Structures are given as C-alpha cells and as structure tokens.
Amino acid sequence: MSATPVKPRKARPKRSTILTIGMLAAAAYFLLPLFWLVVASTKTTGDLFSTFGLWFAGENNLFTNIGNTFTADDGAFGQWLGNSLLYAVASALGGTFLAALGGYGFAKYRFKGNRAMFMGVLGAMAVPSTALAIPTYLLFSQAGLTDTPWAIILPSMASHPFGLYFMRIYADSAVPDELIESGRIDGAGDFRIFFQVTGRLLTPAIATIMLFMLVQTWNNYFLPLIMLNDPALYPVTVGLANWQGQAASSGGASGDYIPLVVTGSLISIFPLIVAFLFLQRYWTTGLVSGSVKQ
C-alpha cells in the first residue's frame, strides 16, 4: 500500500501588533466624531452641556429633535436639504460627464497640444478652490447669475480637474485601442463607440468620480456662502452655519438652535451614505463587462 501524501500546512499570516494598533487608532479617529454626533442628537440643550459627551442621557429626544429640525423656521431645513440635493446631483452628473469625455479624449486621441493641455490640468489640481472663489464670483456677478442655483452648479461642474486626470489615467489602461479600432471597422462613430462600447469599461471610474463630486459639492460651504444671499437658496451647510451663528450671537437666548444644528448635521450625512451604497456596486463589476458578446 502506498502511503498517503501529507499535505503541507499553510503558514498562518503573521499579525502585526503595531499595524493593529494603528488601524484601531484610525478607526477611532473617524468613528468617534460620528458616534458623538449620534449621541448628541438624542439630547436636549441642557443635556448637551451637563452630561458626558460620549454617552446617552437619561431621556432619548432623537425623534423630538428631528421633528423640531424639520419644522423650525417654517421648514427651512427641508428646503436646504432639497437645495443641496439639487446642487450635488446636477453638479455630479454634469461634471462626471465632462470628466469622462475629457479624460477619454486625452487618453485615446492624439492631437496637437495634448500633452501641454494635460499638464495644464495637472497644474490646475494644485490651485486651491478657495483661491478661485472670488474671481468666480466676479464673473458670475457680471453675468447676472449670482444668487441663483447656476452660481453653484456651473462652478462645481468645472472645478474638479482631478476627475479629468483620474479618467485619463483609467481610460488609458482600461480601454484597449483594439476595441476602438474594431468599432470603427464596424462603422461606429466616435460618440457611439464611447457610449455603447468603451463607456461600459469606464463604469468603475465614472462611479468613483461621481461620488467624489457629489461629496465635494454636498459639503461645499465657501462657494454658496459668497454666491447666495437668499436663505431660500441655501444648501444645508450654509443653513446650519446660519443657525449656529444665531445661537452664538444671541448669547444663549437662542439655545434651542443648538440641538437643531447637531441633529441637522446627523441627518445631512445619510444622503451621502445612500449615494455610497448605491455607487459601490459599480466598483465590483468586471472591467470588461459589456464588451464581450455572450
């Protein structure tokens, strides 16, 4: 009888104590503020200042605070949420479309000035957005577009050079030149090739850029602050800052605004969580899905 071969044991991965401590510290750094926000949203104004910040008070006022947040100032918070949703979605869709076309063009087409223009995009990434806010305001003021939704949507669509850079790098490696040539041989035009063939290969990059633009526009504070004067057009960032300013300037007389600001900040996080859960499925798709006939 032949002896049964003994299978070699797989070596167990080594655990790094330093790495584990570092990961726990990073998790605490990101999660503790969120946990504090959840805890603080369940408290009254008095509990916020009289109880331990990282634990709940005796009475849970979360739903009361949520109701008060949506009814304060004639429902201004709901309008601010709607404004933020409009600005973020319109800017993300338009900006992602422009970044996808531009990055794909830089990656797959050779034309005079290609490299110089792309270097200009890289240089634009080094310019902080706050440095462009005042010139942007002056341009829109001369065009009569300040204090309108366009004053937020148009600059947000065009102020993300990283999206174009990321799409250029991704398209260069993810889209084979042979696939484009085969589409041209079949008689497809450039736009048809982009939308029906190569566009599917770019889905993970498109989802990534869209999420970046969505988050950046949703969290944008400085641009709406200088562009908008009408409170009915405020996004949630400027609106909550306005409530916070009223609470601070009143010297405690408007203390009821404090739990509204905290609860409103918690509510404003959920649309971003929903957007992440919706878009993350596109990152797991195959890079060549849709380009191979079944």
C-alpha atoms as a PDB file:
ATOM      1  CA  MET A   1       0.000   0.000   0.000  1.00  0.00           C
ATOM      2  CA  SER A   2       1.256   3.409  -0.909  1.00  0.00           C
ATOM      3  CA  ALA A   3       1.460   5.982   1.818  1.00  0.00           C
ATOM      4  CA  THR A   4      -0.981   8.891   1.631  1.00  0.00           C
ATOM      5  CA  PRO A   5       0.943  12.097   0.861  1.00  0.00           C
ATOM      6  CA  VAL A   6       0.852  14.606   3.654  1.00  0.00           C
ATOM      7  CA  LYS A   7      -0.413  17.996   2.561  1.00  0.00           C
ATOM      8  CA  PRO A   8       1.845  20.819   3.639  1.00  0.00           C
ATOM      9  CA  ARG A   9       0.286  23.101   6.181  1.00  0.00           C
ATOM     10  CA  LYS A  10      -0.406  26.613   5.119  1.00  0.00           C
ATOM     11  CA  ALA A  11       1.588  29.153   7.004  1.00  0.00           C
ATOM     12  CA  ARG A  12      -0.601  31.392   9.114  1.00  0.00           C
ATOM     13  CA  PRO A  13      -0.318  35.061   8.282  1.00  0.00           C
ATOM     14  CA  LYS A  14       1.696  36.948  10.849  1.00  0.00           C
ATOM     15  CA  ARG A  15      -0.129  39.502  12.915  1.00  0.00           C
ATOM     16  CA  SER A  16       1.423  42.895  13.410  1.00  0.00           C
ATOM     17  CA  THR A  17       0.623  44.481  16.753  1.00  0.00           C
ATOM     18  CA  ILE A  18       1.756  47.891  15.586  1.00  0.00           C
ATOM     19  CA  LEU A  19      -0.419  47.691  12.479  1.00  0.00           C
ATOM     20  CA  THR A  20      -3.426  46.585  14.533  1.00  0.00           C
ATOM     21  CA  ILE A  21      -2.985  49.476  16.965  1.00  0.00           C
ATOM     22  CA  GLY A  22      -2.613  51.896  14.070  1.00  0.00           C
ATOM     23  CA  MET A  23      -5.796  50.634  12.413  1.00  0.00           C
ATOM     24  CA  LEU A  24      -7.731  50.860  15.675  1.00  0.00           C
ATOM     25  CA  ALA A  25      -6.477  54.420  16.191  1.00  0.00           C
ATOM     26  CA  ALA A  26      -7.513  55.359  12.636  1.00  0.00           C
ATOM     27  CA  ALA A  27     -10.950  53.775  13.131  1.00  0.00           C
ATOM     28  CA  ALA A  28     -11.416  55.679  16.397  1.00  0.00           C
ATOM     29  CA  TYR A  29     -10.333  58.920  14.727  1.00  0.00           C
ATOM     30  CA  PHE A  30     -13.006  58.588  12.045  1.00  0.00           C
ATOM     31  CA  LEU A  31     -15.806  56.930  14.036  1.00  0.00           C
ATOM     32  CA  LEU A  32     -15.704  58.782  17.364  1.00  0.00           C
ATOM     33  CA  PRO A  33     -16.961  62.108  15.893  1.00  0.00           C
ATOM     34  CA  LEU A  34     -19.785  60.228  14.180  1.00  0.00           C
ATOM     35  CA  PHE A  35     -20.640  58.426  17.417  1.00  0.00           C
ATOM     36  CA  TRP A  36     -20.636  61.739  19.288  1.00  0.00           C
ATOM     37  CA  LEU A  37     -22.990  63.181  16.664  1.00  0.00           C
ATOM     38  CA  VAL A  38     -25.418  60.278  17.115  1.00  0.00           C
ATOM     39  CA  VAL A  39     -25.291  60.584  20.909  1.00  0.00           C
ATOM     40  CA  ALA A  40     -25.634  64.381  20.885  1.00  0.00           C
ATOM     41  CA  SER A  41     -28.668  64.196  18.583  1.00  0.00           C
ATOM     42  CA  THR A  42     -30.587  62.391  21.330  1.00  0.00           C
ATOM     43  CA  LYS A  43     -30.050  65.149  23.917  1.00  0.00           C
ATOM     44  CA  THR A  44     -31.695  68.408  24.835  1.00  0.00           C
ATOM     45  CA  THR A  45     -29.741  71.655  25.072  1.00  0.00           C
ATOM     46  CA  GLY A  46     -29.279  71.199  28.807  1.00  0.00           C
ATOM     47  CA  ASP A  47     -28.115  67.590  28.430  1.00  0.00           C
ATOM     48  CA  LEU A  48     -25.537  68.625  25.829  1.00  0.00           C
ATOM     49  CA  PHE A  49     -23.735  70.761  28.398  1.00  0.00           C
ATOM     50  CA  SER A  50     -24.423  68.788  31.578  1.00  0.00           C
ATOM     51  CA  THR A  51     -23.801  65.150  30.600  1.00  0.00           C
ATOM     52  CA  PHE A  52     -20.836  63.145  29.330  1.00  0.00           C
ATOM     53  CA  GLY A  53     -20.411  63.803  25.625  1.00  0.00           C
ATOM     54  CA  LEU A  54     -19.761  60.242  24.503  1.00  0.00           C
ATOM     55  CA  TRP A  55     -22.771  58.628  26.168  1.00  0.00           C
ATOM     56  CA  PHE A  56     -26.511  58.989  26.165  1.00  0.00           C
ATOM     57  CA  ALA A  57     -28.532  60.974  28.654  1.00  0.00           C
ATOM     58  CA  GLY A  58     -31.444  59.520  30.590  1.00  0.00           C
ATOM     59  CA  GLU A  59     -34.107  60.618  28.092  1.00  0.00           C
ATOM     60  CA  ASN A  60     -33.950  59.967  24.349  1.00  0.00           C
ATOM     61  CA  ASN A  61     -35.042  63.072  22.422  1.00  0.00           C
ATOM     62  CA  LEU A  62     -33.884  61.979  18.960  1.00  0.00           C
ATOM     63  CA  PHE A  63     -37.295  61.961  17.278  1.00  0.00           C
ATOM     64  CA  THR A  64     -38.289  65.171  19.011  1.00  0.00           C
ATOM     65  CA  ASN A  65     -35.108  66.835  17.754  1.00  0.00           C
ATOM     66  CA  ILE A  66     -35.716  65.511  14.236  1.00  0.00           C
ATOM     67  CA  GLY A  67     -39.251  66.886  14.247  1.00  0.00           C
ATOM     68  CA  ASN A  68     -38.086  70.244  15.570  1.00  0.00           C
ATOM     69  CA  THR A  69     -35.327  70.386  12.940  1.00  0.00           C
ATOM     70  CA  PHE A  70     -37.779  69.985  10.070  1.00  0.00           C
ATOM     71  CA  THR A  71     -40.362  72.397  11.496  1.00  0.00           C
ATOM     72  CA  ALA A  72     -38.067  75.214  12.675  1.00  0.00           C
ATOM     73  CA  ASP A  73     -38.184  78.455  10.657  1.00  0.00           C
ATOM     74  CA  ASP A  74     -41.183  77.243   8.639  1.00  0.00           C
ATOM     75  CA  GLY A  75     -39.444  74.093   7.440  1.00  0.00           C
ATOM     76  CA  ALA A  76     -36.266  75.767   6.223  1.00  0.00           C
ATOM     77  CA  PHE A  77     -34.145  72.671   6.844  1.00  0.00           C
ATOM     78  CA  GLY A  78     -36.121  70.546   4.383  1.00  0.00           C
ATOM     79  CA  GLN A  79     -35.690  73.242   1.754  1.00  0.00           C
ATOM     80  CA  TRP A  80     -31.952  73.374   2.427  1.00  0.00           C
ATOM     81  CA  LEU A  81     -31.730  69.608   2.006  1.00  0.00           C
ATOM     82  CA  GLY A  82     -33.558  69.846  -1.304  1.00  0.00           C
ATOM     83  CA  ASN A  83     -31.218  72.599  -2.463  1.00  0.00           C
ATOM     84  CA  SER A  84     -28.149  70.562  -1.529  1.00  0.00           C
ATOM     85  CA  LEU A  85     -29.577  67.567  -3.363  1.00  0.00           C
ATOM     86  CA  LEU A  86     -30.196  69.656  -6.487  1.00  0.00           C
ATOM     87  CA  TYR A  87     -26.746  71.249  -6.441  1.00  0.00           C
ATOM     88  CA  ALA A  88     -24.903  67.995  -5.695  1.00  0.00           C
ATOM     89  CA  VAL A  89     -26.732  65.755  -8.181  1.00  0.00           C
ATOM     90  CA  ALA A  90     -26.684  68.281 -11.047  1.00  0.00           C
ATOM     91  CA  SER A  91     -23.013  69.098 -10.479  1.00  0.00           C
ATOM     92  CA  ALA A  92     -22.012  65.441 -10.130  1.00  0.00           C
ATOM     93  CA  LEU A  93     -23.843  64.345 -13.276  1.00  0.00           C
ATOM     94  CA  GLY A  94     -22.605  67.225 -15.410  1.00  0.00           C
ATOM     95  CA  GLY A  95     -19.077  67.206 -14.016  1.00  0.00           C
ATOM     96  CA  THR A  96     -18.729  63.443 -14.376  1.00  0.00           C
ATOM     97  CA  PHE A  97     -19.910  63.605 -17.976  1.00  0.00           C
ATOM     98  CA  LEU A  98     -17.368  66.319 -18.792  1.00  0.00           C
ATOM     99  CA  ALA A  99     -14.571  64.477 -16.964  1.00  0.00           C
ATOM    100  CA  ALA A 100     -15.385  61.215 -18.752  1.00  0.00           C
ATOM    101  CA  LEU A 101     -15.354  62.835 -22.195  1.00  0.00           C
ATOM    102  CA  GLY A 102     -12.224  64.878 -21.499  1.00  0.00           C
ATOM    103  CA  GLY A 103     -10.243  62.097 -19.854  1.00  0.00           C
ATOM    104  CA  TYR A 104     -11.188  59.625 -22.567  1.00  0.00           C
ATOM    105  CA  GLY A 105     -10.193  62.127 -25.236  1.00  0.00           C
ATOM    106  CA  PHE A 106      -6.808  62.796 -23.618  1.00  0.00           C
ATOM    107  CA  ALA A 107      -6.152  59.061 -23.275  1.00  0.00           C
ATOM    108  CA  LYS A 108      -7.235  57.765 -26.678  1.00  0.00           C
ATOM    109  CA  TYR A 109      -6.783  60.614 -29.141  1.00  0.00           C
ATOM    110  CA  ARG A 110      -3.518  62.140 -30.267  1.00  0.00           C
ATOM    111  CA  PHE A 111      -3.743  65.790 -31.230  1.00  0.00           C
ATOM    112  CA  LYS A 112      -1.503  68.814 -31.183  1.00  0.00           C
ATOM    113  CA  GLY A 113      -1.156  70.223 -27.689  1.00  0.00           C
ATOM    114  CA  ASN A 114      -2.399  67.059 -25.980  1.00  0.00           C
ATOM    115  CA  ARG A 115       0.470  66.848 -23.522  1.00  0.00           C
ATOM    116  CA  ALA A 116       0.614  70.587 -22.842  1.00  0.00           C
ATOM    117  CA  MET A 117      -3.106  70.760 -22.125  1.00  0.00           C
ATOM    118  CA  PHE A 118      -2.904  67.746 -19.826  1.00  0.00           C
ATOM    119  CA  MET A 119      -0.010  69.347 -17.963  1.00  0.00           C
ATOM    120  CA  GLY A 120      -2.270  72.364 -17.541  1.00  0.00           C
ATOM    121  CA  VAL A 121      -4.871  70.102 -15.920  1.00  0.00           C
ATOM    122  CA  LEU A 122      -2.232  68.787 -13.521  1.00  0.00           C
ATOM    123  CA  GLY A 123      -1.266  72.353 -12.683  1.00  0.00           C
ATOM    124  CA  ALA A 124      -4.903  73.227 -12.020  1.00  0.00           C
ATOM    125  CA  MET A 125      -5.030  70.489  -9.392  1.00  0.00           C
ATOM    126  CA  ALA A 126      -2.510  72.466  -7.328  1.00  0.00           C
ATOM    127  CA  VAL A 127      -4.710  75.575  -7.210  1.00  0.00           C
ATOM    128  CA  PRO A 128      -6.978  75.601  -4.118  1.00  0.00           C
ATOM    129  CA  SER A 129     -10.640  76.113  -4.885  1.00  0.00           C
ATOM    130  CA  THR A 130     -10.875  78.975  -2.375  1.00  0.00           C
ATOM    131  CA  ALA A 131      -8.369  80.943  -4.460  1.00  0.00           C
ATOM    132  CA  LEU A 132     -10.791  80.821  -7.398  1.00  0.00           C
ATOM    133  CA  ALA A 133     -13.900  81.700  -5.423  1.00  0.00           C
ATOM    134  CA  ILE A 134     -13.585  85.498  -5.652  1.00  0.00           C
ATOM    135  CA  PRO A 135     -12.754  85.578  -9.414  1.00  0.00           C
ATOM    136  CA  THR A 136     -15.645  83.175  -9.988  1.00  0.00           C
ATOM    137  CA  TYR A 137     -17.957  85.446  -8.024  1.00  0.00           C
ATOM    138  CA  LEU A 138     -16.910  88.485 -10.095  1.00  0.00           C
ATOM    139  CA  LEU A 139     -17.529  86.622 -13.358  1.00  0.00           C
ATOM    140  CA  PHE A 140     -20.955  85.406 -12.303  1.00  0.00           C
ATOM    141  CA  SER A 141     -21.837  88.806 -10.904  1.00  0.00           C
ATOM    142  CA  GLN A 142     -21.150  90.431 -14.279  1.00  0.00           C
ATOM    143  CA  ALA A 143     -23.246  87.728 -15.945  1.00  0.00           C
ATOM    144  CA  GLY A 144     -26.118  88.295 -13.513  1.00  0.00           C
ATOM    145  CA  LEU A 145     -26.065  84.703 -12.244  1.00  0.00           C
ATOM    146  CA  THR A 146     -25.286  85.292  -8.581  1.00  0.00           C
ATOM    147  CA  ASP A 147     -27.984  84.321  -6.094  1.00  0.00           C
ATOM    148  CA  THR A 148     -29.237  81.636  -8.492  1.00  0.00           C
ATOM    149  CA  PRO A 149     -28.747  77.840  -8.497  1.00  0.00           C
ATOM    150  CA  TRP A 150     -26.494  78.202 -11.547  1.00  0.00           C
ATOM    151  CA  ALA A 151     -23.961  80.056  -9.398  1.00  0.00           C
ATOM    152  CA  ILE A 152     -23.369  76.774  -7.526  1.00  0.00           C
ATOM    153  CA  ILE A 153     -23.949  74.167 -10.230  1.00  0.00           C
ATOM    154  CA  LEU A 154     -21.782  75.566 -13.044  1.00  0.00           C
ATOM    155  CA  PRO A 155     -18.599  76.234 -10.989  1.00  0.00           C
ATOM    156  CA  SER A 156     -18.953  72.881  -9.240  1.00  0.00           C
ATOM    157  CA  MET A 157     -19.175  71.072 -12.576  1.00  0.00           C
ATOM    158  CA  ALA A 158     -15.961  72.641 -13.858  1.00  0.00           C
ATOM    159  CA  SER A 159     -13.868  72.798 -10.692  1.00  0.00           C
ATOM    160  CA  HIS A 160     -12.763  69.158 -10.438  1.00  0.00           C
ATOM    161  CA  PRO A 161      -9.582  68.706 -12.500  1.00  0.00           C
ATOM    162  CA  PHE A 162      -8.829  65.559 -10.508  1.00  0.00           C
ATOM    163  CA  GLY A 163     -11.795  63.853 -12.151  1.00  0.00           C
ATOM    164  CA  LEU A 164     -10.426  64.509 -15.624  1.00  0.00           C
ATOM    165  CA  TYR A 165      -6.949  63.401 -14.541  1.00  0.00           C
ATOM    166  CA  PHE A 166      -8.294  60.211 -12.963  1.00  0.00           C
ATOM    167  CA  MET A 167     -10.387  59.370 -16.019  1.00  0.00           C
ATOM    168  CA  ARG A 168      -7.434  59.908 -18.339  1.00  0.00           C
ATOM    169  CA  ILE A 169      -5.243  57.523 -16.343  1.00  0.00           C
ATOM    170  CA  TYR A 170      -8.014  54.944 -16.016  1.00  0.00           C
ATOM    171  CA  ALA A 171      -9.093  55.042 -19.670  1.00  0.00           C
ATOM    172  CA  ASP A 172      -5.504  54.710 -20.848  1.00  0.00           C
ATOM    173  CA  SER A 173      -5.156  51.365 -19.092  1.00  0.00           C
ATOM    174  CA  ALA A 174      -8.724  50.003 -19.140  1.00  0.00           C
ATOM    175  CA  VAL A 175      -9.746  50.624 -22.760  1.00  0.00           C
ATOM    176  CA  PRO A 176      -7.769  48.649 -25.377  1.00  0.00           C
ATOM    177  CA  ASP A 177      -7.012  50.506 -28.589  1.00  0.00           C
ATOM    178  CA  GLU A 178      -8.004  47.361 -30.495  1.00  0.00           C
ATOM    179  CA  LEU A 179     -11.544  47.670 -29.151  1.00  0.00           C
ATOM    180  CA  ILE A 180     -11.857  51.185 -30.536  1.00  0.00           C
ATOM    181  CA  GLU A 181     -10.425  50.142 -33.898  1.00  0.00           C
ATOM    182  CA  SER A 182     -12.832  47.221 -34.150  1.00  0.00           C
ATOM    183  CA  GLY A 183     -15.731  49.588 -33.527  1.00  0.00           C
ATOM    184  CA  ARG A 184     -14.519  51.883 -36.282  1.00  0.00           C
ATOM    185  CA  ILE A 185     -14.202  48.947 -38.663  1.00  0.00           C
ATOM    186  CA  ASP A 186     -17.832  48.069 -37.910  1.00  0.00           C
ATOM    187  CA  GLY A 187     -18.805  51.604 -38.935  1.00  0.00           C
ATOM    188  CA  ALA A 188     -19.423  53.085 -35.483  1.00  0.00           C
ATOM    189  CA  GLY A 189     -18.658  56.752 -34.905  1.00  0.00           C
ATOM    190  CA  ASP A 190     -16.584  58.084 -32.038  1.00  0.00           C
ATOM    191  CA  PHE A 191     -19.541  59.003 -29.851  1.00  0.00           C
ATOM    192  CA  ARG A 192     -21.241  55.662 -30.452  1.00  0.00           C
ATOM    193  CA  ILE A 193     -18.031  53.845 -29.519  1.00  0.00           C
ATOM    194  CA  PHE A 194     -17.764  55.902 -26.339  1.00  0.00           C
ATOM    195  CA  PHE A 195     -21.362  55.444 -25.187  1.00  0.00           C
ATOM    196  CA  GLN A 196     -22.010  51.851 -26.284  1.00  0.00           C
ATOM    197  CA  VAL A 197     -18.615  50.145 -26.044  1.00  0.00           C
ATOM    198  CA  THR A 198     -15.883  51.853 -24.060  1.00  0.00           C
ATOM    199  CA  GLY A 199     -18.248  53.691 -21.733  1.00  0.00           C
ATOM    200  CA  ARG A 200     -19.098  50.407 -20.064  1.00  0.00           C
ATOM    201  CA  LEU A 201     -15.455  49.736 -19.351  1.00  0.00           C
ATOM    202  CA  LEU A 202     -15.199  53.102 -17.633  1.00  0.00           C
ATOM    203  CA  THR A 203     -18.101  52.448 -15.246  1.00  0.00           C
ATOM    204  CA  PRO A 204     -15.947  51.976 -12.097  1.00  0.00           C
ATOM    205  CA  ALA A 205     -14.073  55.213 -12.791  1.00  0.00           C
ATOM    206  CA  ILE A 206     -17.297  57.066 -13.583  1.00  0.00           C
ATOM    207  CA  ALA A 207     -18.826  55.906 -10.290  1.00  0.00           C
ATOM    208  CA  THR A 208     -15.714  56.981  -8.390  1.00  0.00           C
ATOM    209  CA  ILE A 209     -15.632  60.450  -9.939  1.00  0.00           C
ATOM    210  CA  MET A 210     -19.360  60.896  -9.423  1.00  0.00           C
ATOM    211  CA  LEU A 211     -19.056  60.049  -5.733  1.00  0.00           C
ATOM    212  CA  PHE A 212     -16.127  62.454  -5.288  1.00  0.00           C
ATOM    213  CA  MET A 213     -18.026  65.274  -6.986  1.00  0.00           C
ATOM    214  CA  LEU A 214     -21.217  64.502  -5.105  1.00  0.00           C
ATOM    215  CA  VAL A 215     -19.484  64.606  -1.729  1.00  0.00           C
ATOM    216  CA  GLN A 216     -17.451  67.714  -2.523  1.00  0.00           C
ATOM    217  CA  THR A 217     -20.462  69.682  -3.761  1.00  0.00           C
ATOM    218  CA  TRP A 218     -22.637  68.495  -0.876  1.00  0.00           C
ATOM    219  CA  ASN A 219     -20.025  69.600   1.672  1.00  0.00           C
ATOM    220  CA  ASN A 220     -19.149  72.835  -0.121  1.00  0.00           C
ATOM    221  CA  TYR A 221     -19.556  75.826   2.168  1.00  0.00           C
ATOM    222  CA  PHE A 222     -17.444  78.727   0.924  1.00  0.00           C
ATOM    223  CA  LEU A 223     -18.801  78.943  -2.632  1.00  0.00           C
ATOM    224  CA  PRO A 224     -22.500  79.072  -1.615  1.00  0.00           C
ATOM    225  CA  LEU A 225     -21.613  81.489   1.173  1.00  0.00           C
ATOM    226  CA  ILE A 226     -20.317  84.128  -1.229  1.00  0.00           C
ATOM    227  CA  MET A 227     -22.680  83.372  -4.128  1.00  0.00           C
ATOM    228  CA  LEU A 228     -26.045  83.231  -2.362  1.00  0.00           C
ATOM    229  CA  ASN A 229     -27.902  85.877  -0.370  1.00  0.00           C
ATOM    230  CA  ASP A 230     -31.384  84.388  -0.409  1.00  0.00           C
ATOM    231  CA  PRO A 231     -31.883  81.936   2.516  1.00  0.00           C
ATOM    232  CA  ALA A 232     -34.342  80.005   0.348  1.00  0.00           C
ATOM    233  CA  LEU A 233     -31.397  79.011  -1.893  1.00  0.00           C
ATOM    234  CA  TYR A 234     -29.007  77.994   0.892  1.00  0.00           C
ATOM    235  CA  PRO A 235     -27.603  74.467   0.891  1.00  0.00           C
ATOM    236  CA  VAL A 236     -27.622  72.570   4.161  1.00  0.00           C
ATOM    237  CA  THR A 237     -24.036  73.583   5.010  1.00  0.00           C
ATOM    238  CA  VAL A 238     -24.735  77.317   4.904  1.00  0.00           C
ATOM    239  CA  GLY A 239     -28.139  76.907   6.510  1.00  0.00           C
ATOM    240  CA  LEU A 240     -26.778  75.020   9.522  1.00  0.00           C
ATOM    241  CA  ALA A 241     -23.966  77.566   9.863  1.00  0.00           C
ATOM    242  CA  ASN A 242     -26.615  80.284   9.866  1.00  0.00           C
ATOM    243  CA  TRP A 243     -28.450  78.549  12.725  1.00  0.00           C
ATOM    244  CA  GLN A 244     -25.197  78.127  14.587  1.00  0.00           C
ATOM    245  CA  GLY A 245     -24.446  81.815  14.152  1.00  0.00           C
ATOM    246  CA  GLN A 246     -27.865  82.747  15.525  1.00  0.00           C
ATOM    247  CA  ALA A 247     -27.285  80.561  18.590  1.00  0.00           C
ATOM    248  CA  ALA A 248     -23.829  82.061  19.167  1.00  0.00           C
ATOM    249  CA  SER A 249     -24.818  85.702  18.621  1.00  0.00           C
ATOM    250  CA  SER A 250     -27.773  85.503  20.996  1.00  0.00           C
ATOM    251  CA  GLY A 251     -25.581  84.599  23.952  1.00  0.00           C
ATOM    252  CA  GLY A 252     -27.670  81.546  24.800  1.00  0.00           C
ATOM    253  CA  ALA A 253     -31.067  83.162  24.211  1.00  0.00           C
ATOM    254  CA  SER A 254     -31.493  81.013  21.090  1.00  0.00           C
ATOM    255  CA  GLY A 255     -30.181  77.875  22.709  1.00  0.00           C
ATOM    256  CA  ASP A 256     -32.899  75.830  21.024  1.00  0.00           C
ATOM    257  CA  TYR A 257     -30.916  76.125  17.790  1.00  0.00           C
ATOM    258  CA  ILE A 258     -28.037  74.085  19.230  1.00  0.00           C
ATOM    259  CA  PRO A 259     -29.776  70.657  19.126  1.00  0.00           C
ATOM    260  CA  LEU A 260     -31.183  71.621  15.719  1.00  0.00           C
ATOM    261  CA  VAL A 261     -27.669  72.151  14.354  1.00  0.00           C
ATOM    262  CA  VAL A 262     -26.456  68.859  15.808  1.00  0.00           C
ATOM    263  CA  THR A 263     -29.457  66.859  14.595  1.00  0.00           C
ATOM    264  CA  GLY A 264     -29.373  68.550  11.209  1.00  0.00           C
ATOM    265  CA  SER A 265     -25.716  67.620  10.826  1.00  0.00           C
ATOM    266  CA  LEU A 266     -26.588  63.985  11.531  1.00  0.00           C
ATOM    267  CA  ILE A 267     -29.446  63.978   9.024  1.00  0.00           C
ATOM    268  CA  SER A 268     -27.240  65.549   6.341  1.00  0.00           C
ATOM    269  CA  ILE A 269     -24.899  62.542   6.467  1.00  0.00           C
ATOM    270  CA  PHE A 270     -27.494  59.989   5.350  1.00  0.00           C
ATOM    271  CA  PRO A 271     -27.803  61.095   1.682  1.00  0.00           C
ATOM    272  CA  LEU A 272     -24.037  60.593   1.294  1.00  0.00           C
ATOM    273  CA  ILE A 273     -24.282  57.123   2.846  1.00  0.00           C
ATOM    274  CA  VAL A 274     -27.086  56.233   0.436  1.00  0.00           C
ATOM    275  CA  ALA A 275     -25.029  57.527  -2.502  1.00  0.00           C
ATOM    276  CA  PHE A 276     -22.029  55.445  -1.437  1.00  0.00           C
ATOM    277  CA  LEU A 277     -24.115  52.268  -1.046  1.00  0.00           C
ATOM    278  CA  PHE A 278     -25.703  52.855  -4.444  1.00  0.00           C
ATOM    279  CA  LEU A 279     -22.456  53.552  -6.312  1.00  0.00           C
ATOM    280  CA  GLN A 280     -20.191  50.994  -4.628  1.00  0.00           C
ATOM    281  CA  ARG A 281     -21.728  48.118  -6.586  1.00  0.00           C
ATOM    282  CA  TYR A 282     -20.241  49.545  -9.781  1.00  0.00           C
ATOM    283  CA  TRP A 283     -16.711  49.176  -8.374  1.00  0.00           C
ATOM    284  CA  THR A 284     -17.114  45.407  -8.156  1.00  0.00           C
ATOM    285  CA  THR A 285     -18.171  44.932 -11.777  1.00  0.00           C
ATOM    286  CA  GLY A 286     -15.730  43.401 -14.217  1.00  0.00           C
ATOM    287  CA  LEU A 287     -13.663  45.859 -16.204  1.00  0.00           C
ATOM    288  CA  VAL A 288     -14.610  44.236 -19.483  1.00  0.00           C
ATOM    289  CA  SER A 289     -18.314  43.676 -18.732  1.00  0.00           C
ATOM    290  CA  GLY A 290     -20.439  44.591 -21.701  1.00  0.00           C
ATOM    291  CA  SER A 291     -17.623  44.382 -24.255  1.00  0.00           C
ATOM    292  CA  VAL A 292     -17.784  40.619 -24.729  1.00  0.00           C
ATOM    293  CA  LYS A 293     -20.699  39.021 -26.517  1.00  0.00           C
ATOM    294  CA  GLN A 294     -22.426  36.220 -24.619  1.00  0.00           C
END
